[in-house]
Amino acid sequence: MTNPTADPHLAAAGLARLADALRAEAANGLYWGAGPDETARLHRLRELAAALLAEVDHRPFAAILAVFATDANLRTPMPGIEFRVECADGARLVRRERLNAAETLGQRLAATAAALGAAVPEAPAAIADTHLAGLPCPHTYLLVYELATGLDAAAAAALLPPGNPDLDGDLPAVAPADSAAMPEAGPLPVSPAAREILDAIAALAKESLAAVTNPYEVERQHRVAALCERARETELDYPRIDCGDLAAHCVSTGADAAVFDDEGRLLVIRRTDTGQWAVPGGAAEVGEPVGLAAVREACEETGLDVGLTGLSWAFDKRDTDLGDSRMPMIMSFTARMADPDQPIRLAELEASDSRWITREESERIDLFRGHELRVPAAFARDRGER
């Protein structure tokens, strides 16, 4: 199928985002571990993702693959911060940066506020997303924090870090309650060379699906195959573009949904791994808005269709002595059921039971680690107390 109206620059950025998602699938499969045959296929997937990015990026394949080969963490959308600083002279400064391994979210907020003589912002005003904005850099969502300083713009700018250049551009932000929206997108136009690489990836996924039995590995390969199917071949010449900081440290991110009913009770599920109670949640996936990750996890684990009502906490476990090398950042959303009469259908691999609890009951049950902090915050957010 041809698409003569395809914009080469938009198509190149789209291919970069597709390669980013495939890179994440390979990295995460290798992180969780697999048998020797599947491990070999995941390494091959990584190579093909690098080859796909090399079709548009200014760096050669070998350099891109060398960066991809250093992936050690779970690869998810990366958390970042957008500071919007209102200065004494009426100017507004905007700085964007990713979180890193050396500094937590709380530390970064406190350091920036102290430098500017500003109050530490309590919560993000909005969330922006590089993939939704069409940027070709590694998928990053940005928590938008607003500060006011008594300094003029020149003095304030001198105290702020320069930020990450690949996060520059038009990055619309939305309220946290609206952060699950995913606009419909048509097929991605790709060149014949890119289509050939995608066909090889699709064949690799088919090979895996014929061999693996682990349900999570099966899900991964279905996602990989679906990514390949979204592309349509057309005649185009890609421009060479800069696809951003490929080596940026990935602070892995998860999202959960604190689902409340009309009586103000919270839905919790009993985890099959520990037997403890938790709200539904899990790792965010490269290519999906972080709010959508919370909605997806709620649906996968409970069968419920939910809508977000807000963000109760951008929860950096490293700020609370709950360090977790797998997933340090959790975006905790509050939510409501789309249909109050919809039945709960638990995912057997994830949960063995469910119940609706009051705030008082939440203080007496055995909660999964970290939920003793996040559950009270969710109740407070749902009741308008914070």
Protein backbone atom coordinates (compact mmCIF):
# COMPACT_ATOMS: atom_id res chain seq x y z
CA MET A 1 0.00 0.00 0.00
CA THR A 2 1.42 3.38 -0.91
CA ASN A 3 0.93 6.72 0.75
CA PRO A 4 2.33 9.46 -1.48
CA THR A 5 1.30 12.17 0.97
CA ALA A 6 3.49 10.81 3.79
CA ASP A 7 5.60 13.55 5.40
CA PRO A 8 9.18 12.14 5.51
CA HIS A 9 10.05 13.98 8.75
CA LEU A 10 6.92 12.78 10.52
CA ALA A 11 7.48 9.27 9.20
CA ALA A 12 11.08 9.31 10.45
CA ALA A 13 10.00 10.40 13.93
CA GLY A 14 7.31 7.71 13.91
CA LEU A 15 9.85 5.06 12.98
CA ALA A 16 12.08 6.23 15.85
CA ARG A 17 9.21 5.81 18.31
CA LEU A 18 8.45 2.36 16.91
CA ALA A 19 12.10 1.34 17.32
CA ASP A 20 11.96 2.66 20.90
CA ALA A 21 9.00 0.41 21.70
CA LEU A 22 10.71 -2.64 20.16
CA ARG A 23 13.92 -1.86 22.05
CA ALA A 24 11.88 -1.91 25.27
CA GLU A 25 10.29 -5.27 24.46
CA ALA A 26 13.73 -6.81 23.94
CA ALA A 27 15.20 -5.21 27.06
CA ASN A 28 12.31 -6.26 29.28
CA GLY A 29 12.29 -9.82 27.99
CA LEU A 30 15.99 -10.11 28.74
CA TYR A 31 15.51 -8.48 32.14
CA TRP A 32 12.96 -11.06 33.28
CA GLY A 33 14.94 -13.93 31.81
CA ALA A 34 14.05 -16.70 29.38
CA GLY A 35 15.31 -19.98 28.07
CA PRO A 36 18.38 -20.01 25.81
CA ASP A 37 16.43 -20.10 22.53
CA GLU A 38 14.13 -17.24 23.51
CA THR A 39 17.10 -15.27 24.88
CA ALA A 40 18.78 -15.58 21.49
CA ARG A 41 15.61 -14.35 19.79
CA LEU A 42 15.43 -11.36 22.16
CA HIS A 43 19.03 -10.44 21.34
CA ARG A 44 18.10 -10.64 17.67
CA LEU A 45 15.07 -8.43 18.31
CA ARG A 46 17.39 -5.89 19.93
CA GLU A 47 19.63 -5.93 16.86
CA LEU A 48 16.68 -5.44 14.53
CA ALA A 49 15.33 -2.56 16.65
CA ALA A 50 18.74 -0.90 16.37
CA ALA A 51 18.76 -1.48 12.61
CA LEU A 52 15.31 0.10 12.36
CA LEU A 53 16.46 3.21 14.23
CA ALA A 54 19.60 3.39 12.06
CA GLU A 55 17.30 3.93 9.07
CA VAL A 56 16.57 7.45 10.35
CA ASP A 57 19.04 8.40 13.09
CA HIS A 58 22.30 10.16 12.28
CA ARG A 59 24.31 7.57 14.25
CA PRO A 60 25.48 4.32 12.62
CA PHE A 61 23.96 0.95 13.45
CA ALA A 62 26.98 -0.23 15.48
CA ALA A 63 26.85 2.83 17.74
CA ILE A 64 23.11 2.47 18.30
CA LEU A 65 23.37 -1.25 19.06
CA ALA A 66 26.20 -0.58 21.52
CA VAL A 67 23.87 1.71 23.48
CA PHE A 68 20.95 -0.73 23.33
CA ALA A 69 23.23 -3.50 24.63
CA THR A 70 23.76 -1.57 27.88
CA ASP A 71 20.07 -1.77 28.83
CA ALA A 72 19.97 -3.27 32.32
CA ASN A 73 16.77 -1.98 33.92
CA LEU A 74 13.16 -2.52 33.04
CA ARG A 75 12.58 -0.22 30.10
CA THR A 76 9.47 1.92 30.48
CA PRO A 77 8.55 5.51 29.72
CA MET A 78 11.09 7.62 31.60
CA PRO A 79 9.92 10.12 34.22
CA GLY A 80 10.97 13.72 33.77
CA ILE A 81 10.17 17.14 35.16
CA GLU A 82 9.06 20.32 33.45
CA PHE A 83 9.63 23.33 35.67
CA ARG A 84 7.51 26.36 34.86
CA VAL A 85 8.95 29.29 36.77
CA GLU A 86 7.11 32.59 37.08
CA CYS A 87 9.75 35.28 37.58
CA ALA A 88 9.52 38.65 39.32
CA ASP A 89 9.84 40.53 36.03
CA GLY A 90 6.80 38.74 34.57
CA ALA A 91 8.77 36.32 32.43
CA ARG A 92 8.20 32.57 32.51
CA LEU A 93 11.06 30.09 32.31
CA VAL A 94 10.59 26.49 31.23
CA ARG A 95 13.16 23.77 31.92
CA ARG A 96 12.77 20.09 31.13
CA GLU A 97 14.91 17.27 32.45
CA ARG A 98 14.72 13.55 33.07
CA LEU A 99 15.09 12.04 36.50
CA ASN A 100 18.27 10.08 36.97
CA ALA A 101 19.74 7.46 39.24
CA ALA A 102 21.56 9.99 41.45
CA GLU A 103 18.64 12.20 42.49
CA THR A 104 15.09 11.38 43.53
CA LEU A 105 12.01 13.32 42.54
CA GLY A 106 11.71 14.83 46.03
CA GLN A 107 15.36 15.83 46.08
CA ARG A 108 15.11 17.46 42.66
CA LEU A 109 12.04 19.45 43.60
CA ALA A 110 13.57 20.57 46.90
CA ALA A 111 16.88 21.56 45.30
CA THR A 112 15.22 23.61 42.55
CA ALA A 113 12.86 25.36 44.97
CA ALA A 114 15.72 26.18 47.33
CA ALA A 115 17.86 27.60 44.53
CA LEU A 116 15.02 29.89 43.41
CA GLY A 117 13.82 30.81 46.89
CA ALA A 118 10.46 29.28 46.02
CA ALA A 119 8.03 27.02 47.85
CA VAL A 120 8.35 23.32 47.04
CA PRO A 121 5.39 22.41 44.80
CA GLU A 122 3.18 19.78 46.37
CA ALA A 123 1.87 18.12 43.22
CA PRO A 124 2.26 18.33 39.45
CA ALA A 125 -0.21 20.61 37.70
CA ALA A 126 -0.16 18.56 34.49
CA ILE A 127 1.57 15.76 32.59
CA ALA A 128 3.23 15.99 29.18
CA ASP A 129 4.36 13.10 26.97
CA THR A 130 7.04 13.05 24.26
CA HIS A 131 5.48 10.22 22.26
CA LEU A 132 2.08 11.90 22.18
CA ALA A 133 3.84 15.08 21.05
CA GLY A 134 5.53 13.21 18.19
CA LEU A 135 9.11 13.70 19.40
CA PRO A 136 11.62 11.03 18.26
CA CYS A 137 13.52 10.83 21.57
CA PRO A 138 13.23 7.92 24.04
CA HIS A 139 9.73 7.92 25.50
CA THR A 140 9.54 10.34 28.41
CA TYR A 141 6.60 11.72 30.36
CA LEU A 142 7.06 14.99 32.21
CA LEU A 143 5.47 16.02 35.47
CA VAL A 144 4.76 19.72 35.15
CA TYR A 145 5.53 21.70 38.32
CA GLU A 146 4.83 25.39 38.73
CA LEU A 147 6.99 27.65 40.90
CA ALA A 148 7.15 31.39 41.60
CA THR A 149 10.40 33.19 42.39
CA GLY A 150 11.34 36.69 43.49
CA LEU A 151 14.23 36.61 41.01
CA ASP A 152 14.13 38.09 37.55
CA ALA A 153 14.41 35.77 34.56
CA ALA A 154 18.15 36.25 34.02
CA ALA A 155 19.01 35.48 37.63
CA ALA A 156 16.67 32.50 37.78
CA ALA A 157 17.96 31.06 34.50
CA ALA A 158 21.51 31.16 35.83
CA LEU A 159 20.47 28.93 38.74
CA LEU A 160 18.60 26.34 36.69
CA PRO A 161 20.29 23.42 34.92
CA PRO A 162 20.24 23.61 31.12
CA GLY A 163 17.83 20.68 30.83
CA ASN A 164 17.80 17.92 28.21
CA PRO A 165 17.86 19.30 24.65
CA ASP A 166 15.99 16.33 23.17
CA LEU A 167 12.97 17.30 25.29
CA ASP A 168 12.68 20.67 23.58
CA GLY A 169 9.74 21.26 21.29
CA ASP A 170 6.00 21.63 21.45
CA LEU A 171 4.95 19.47 24.40
CA PRO A 172 1.29 20.01 25.24
CA ALA A 173 0.39 19.07 28.81
CA VAL A 174 -2.91 17.77 30.17
CA ALA A 175 -4.43 17.48 33.62
CA PRO A 176 -3.56 14.14 35.30
CA ALA A 177 -7.19 13.01 35.07
CA ASP A 178 -6.96 13.34 31.29
CA SER A 179 -3.60 11.60 30.91
CA ALA A 180 -5.01 8.26 29.75
CA ALA A 181 -6.14 9.63 26.39
CA MET A 182 -4.53 8.02 23.36
CA PRO A 183 -5.43 9.66 20.06
CA GLU A 184 -6.19 7.33 17.19
CA ALA A 185 -3.35 7.03 14.72
CA GLY A 186 -3.41 5.62 11.23
CA PRO A 187 -0.84 3.22 9.80
CA LEU A 188 2.76 4.39 9.97
CA PRO A 189 4.23 4.87 6.49
CA VAL A 190 7.60 3.13 6.23
CA SER A 191 10.19 2.75 3.53
CA PRO A 192 10.77 -0.60 1.77
CA ALA A 193 14.00 -1.07 3.78
CA ALA A 194 12.19 -0.45 7.08
CA ARG A 195 9.38 -2.77 5.99
CA GLU A 196 11.93 -5.51 5.36
CA ILE A 197 13.28 -5.12 8.91
CA LEU A 198 9.76 -5.17 10.34
CA ASP A 199 8.97 -8.32 8.39
CA ALA A 200 12.02 -9.96 9.97
CA ILE A 201 10.81 -8.87 13.41
CA ALA A 202 7.33 -10.23 12.70
CA ALA A 203 8.83 -13.56 11.63
CA LEU A 204 10.87 -13.63 14.83
CA ALA A 205 7.73 -13.01 16.89
CA LYS A 206 5.94 -15.83 15.04
CA GLU A 207 8.85 -18.14 15.79
CA SER A 208 8.68 -17.24 19.48
CA LEU A 209 4.92 -17.74 19.64
CA ALA A 210 5.36 -21.27 18.31
CA ALA A 211 7.90 -22.06 21.01
CA VAL A 212 7.17 -20.19 24.27
CA THR A 213 4.57 -21.19 26.86
CA ASN A 214 5.07 -18.56 29.56
CA PRO A 215 1.96 -16.33 29.32
CA TYR A 216 3.98 -13.16 29.80
CA GLU A 217 6.34 -14.13 26.98
CA VAL A 218 3.33 -14.89 24.79
CA GLU A 219 1.86 -11.46 25.55
CA ARG A 220 5.17 -9.81 24.68
CA GLN A 221 5.38 -11.44 21.29
CA HIS A 222 1.77 -10.55 20.48
CA ARG A 223 2.64 -6.92 21.26
CA VAL A 224 5.71 -7.13 19.02
CA ALA A 225 3.67 -8.58 16.17
CA ALA A 226 1.03 -5.88 16.59
CA LEU A 227 3.68 -3.16 16.40
CA CYS A 228 4.87 -4.56 13.08
CA GLU A 229 1.34 -4.73 11.70
CA ARG A 230 0.77 -1.00 12.22
CA ALA A 231 3.26 -0.09 9.48
CA ARG A 232 2.43 0.25 5.78
CA GLU A 233 5.07 0.32 3.05
CA THR A 234 5.39 3.40 0.87
CA GLU A 235 8.08 5.01 -1.26
CA LEU A 236 9.83 7.64 0.81
CA ASP A 237 13.34 8.83 1.61
CA TYR A 238 13.93 9.39 5.29
CA PRO A 239 15.81 12.50 6.38
CA ARG A 240 18.54 11.94 8.95
CA ILE A 241 17.30 13.10 12.34
CA ASP A 242 18.56 13.22 15.94
CA CYS A 243 16.60 10.68 17.96
CA GLY A 244 17.74 12.08 21.28
CA ASP A 245 19.75 10.77 24.18
CA LEU A 246 19.59 7.03 23.57
CA ALA A 247 21.80 6.41 26.61
CA ALA A 248 19.62 8.38 29.05
CA HIS A 249 19.24 6.46 32.31
CA CYS A 250 15.84 4.83 32.55
CA VAL A 251 14.24 5.23 35.97
CA SER A 252 11.63 2.53 35.50
CA THR A 253 8.02 3.55 36.03
CA GLY A 254 4.83 1.78 37.01
CA ALA A 255 1.28 3.05 37.37
CA ASP A 256 -1.60 1.99 39.57
CA ALA A 257 -5.28 2.83 39.80
CA ALA A 258 -7.02 3.36 43.13
CA VAL A 259 -10.59 2.62 42.04
CA PHE A 260 -13.31 4.04 44.29
CA ASP A 261 -17.04 3.31 44.27
CA ASP A 262 -19.87 5.77 44.94
CA GLU A 263 -19.67 5.00 48.67
CA GLY A 264 -16.02 6.05 48.81
CA ARG A 265 -14.71 2.51 49.20
CA LEU A 266 -11.47 1.39 47.57
CA LEU A 267 -11.05 -1.74 45.45
CA VAL A 268 -8.11 -3.91 46.45
CA ILE A 269 -6.97 -7.27 45.12
CA ARG A 270 -5.07 -10.06 46.86
CA ARG A 271 -1.81 -10.61 45.02
CA THR A 272 -1.05 -14.18 44.06
CA ASP A 273 2.68 -13.78 44.71
CA THR A 274 2.63 -12.50 48.32
CA GLY A 275 -1.00 -12.94 49.41
CA GLN A 276 -1.11 -9.26 50.40
CA TRP A 277 -3.65 -6.65 49.37
CA ALA A 278 -2.91 -4.00 46.75
CA VAL A 279 -4.54 -1.74 44.21
CA PRO A 280 -4.22 -2.94 40.60
CA GLY A 281 -1.08 -1.73 38.86
CA GLY A 282 2.09 -2.65 37.07
CA ALA A 283 4.82 -1.48 34.73
CA ALA A 284 4.10 1.20 32.15
CA GLU A 285 4.86 0.31 28.53
CA VAL A 286 6.89 2.38 26.10
CA GLY A 287 4.44 3.91 23.64
CA GLU A 288 1.49 4.34 26.03
CA PRO A 289 0.75 7.42 28.16
CA VAL A 290 1.45 6.72 31.81
CA GLY A 291 -2.18 7.40 32.73
CA LEU A 292 -3.26 4.81 30.21
CA ALA A 293 -0.95 2.30 31.91
CA ALA A 294 -3.02 2.67 35.09
CA VAL A 295 -6.28 2.18 33.16
CA ARG A 296 -4.86 -0.83 31.30
CA GLU A 297 -3.57 -2.50 34.47
CA ALA A 298 -6.92 -2.03 36.20
CA CYS A 299 -8.68 -3.68 33.26
CA GLU A 300 -6.16 -6.53 32.96
CA GLU A 301 -6.22 -7.39 36.67
CA THR A 302 -9.88 -6.78 37.54
CA GLY A 303 -11.73 -6.75 34.20
CA LEU A 304 -13.08 -3.27 34.98
CA ASP A 305 -13.21 -0.31 32.63
CA VAL A 306 -12.23 2.74 34.66
CA GLY A 307 -11.75 6.44 34.12
CA LEU A 308 -9.09 8.46 35.92
CA THR A 309 -10.16 11.18 38.34
CA GLY A 310 -6.76 12.51 39.35
CA LEU A 311 -3.23 11.80 40.50
CA SER A 312 -2.88 11.07 44.19
CA TRP A 313 0.91 10.80 44.24
CA ALA A 314 3.93 10.78 41.97
CA PHE A 315 5.53 8.21 44.25
CA ASP A 316 9.31 7.91 44.14
CA LYS A 317 10.09 4.92 46.34
CA ARG A 318 13.61 6.23 46.84
CA ASP A 319 12.17 9.19 48.79
CA THR A 320 10.48 6.86 51.27
CA ASP A 321 13.17 4.26 52.02
CA LEU A 322 11.28 1.88 49.77
CA GLY A 323 13.99 1.56 47.20
CA ASP A 324 13.15 -0.84 44.40
CA SER A 325 15.69 -1.39 41.66
CA ARG A 326 12.99 -2.79 39.38
CA MET A 327 10.49 0.07 39.45
CA PRO A 328 11.46 3.11 41.57
CA MET A 329 8.71 5.43 40.29
CA ILE A 330 4.98 4.73 40.67
CA MET A 331 2.35 7.06 39.30
CA SER A 332 -0.64 6.53 41.60
CA PHE A 333 -3.94 7.61 40.06
CA THR A 334 -7.45 7.66 41.49
CA ALA A 335 -10.25 6.31 39.33
CA ARG A 336 -13.93 5.45 39.07
CA MET A 337 -15.69 2.58 37.28
CA ALA A 338 -17.21 3.50 33.95
CA ASP A 339 -20.15 1.22 34.75
CA PRO A 340 -20.94 0.63 38.46
CA ASP A 341 -22.68 -2.63 37.56
CA GLN A 342 -19.75 -4.12 35.67
CA PRO A 343 -18.64 -7.40 37.32
CA ILE A 344 -15.10 -7.92 38.57
CA ARG A 345 -13.20 -10.59 36.63
CA LEU A 346 -9.86 -11.23 38.26
CA ALA A 347 -6.76 -12.25 36.29
CA GLU A 348 -5.87 -15.59 37.86
CA LEU A 349 -2.14 -15.08 37.43
CA GLU A 350 -2.29 -11.72 39.21
CA ALA A 351 -4.99 -11.88 41.89
CA SER A 352 -6.83 -14.52 43.92
CA ASP A 353 -9.47 -12.31 45.56
CA SER A 354 -10.86 -8.78 45.68
CA ARG A 355 -12.78 -6.61 48.11
CA TRP A 356 -14.02 -3.06 48.62
CA ILE A 357 -12.59 -1.46 51.75
CA THR A 358 -13.22 1.69 53.76
CA ARG A 359 -10.47 3.99 54.93
CA GLU A 360 -10.73 2.47 58.41
CA GLU A 361 -10.48 -1.07 57.06
CA SER A 362 -7.41 -0.13 55.04
CA GLU A 363 -5.57 0.49 58.31
CA ARG A 364 -6.17 -3.08 59.50
CA ILE A 365 -5.39 -5.27 56.48
CA ASP A 366 -2.04 -6.58 55.30
CA LEU A 367 -1.07 -4.21 52.48
CA PHE A 368 1.67 -4.86 49.93
CA ARG A 369 4.84 -2.90 50.52
CA GLY A 370 4.43 0.81 49.78
CA HIS A 371 0.65 0.67 49.85
CA GLU A 372 0.64 1.67 53.52
CA LEU A 373 1.67 5.08 52.13
CA ARG A 374 -0.14 5.15 48.78
CA VAL A 375 -3.54 3.94 50.00
CA PRO A 376 -4.00 6.76 52.57
CA ALA A 377 -2.91 9.25 49.92
CA ALA A 378 -5.50 7.85 47.51
CA PHE A 379 -8.29 8.16 50.10
CA ALA A 380 -7.22 11.74 50.81
CA ARG A 381 -7.16 12.61 47.11
CA ASP A 382 -10.52 11.01 46.45
CA ARG A 383 -12.09 12.99 49.32
CA GLY A 384 -10.55 16.26 48.19
CA GLU A 385 -8.27 16.49 51.22
CA ARG A 386 -5.12 17.01 49.14
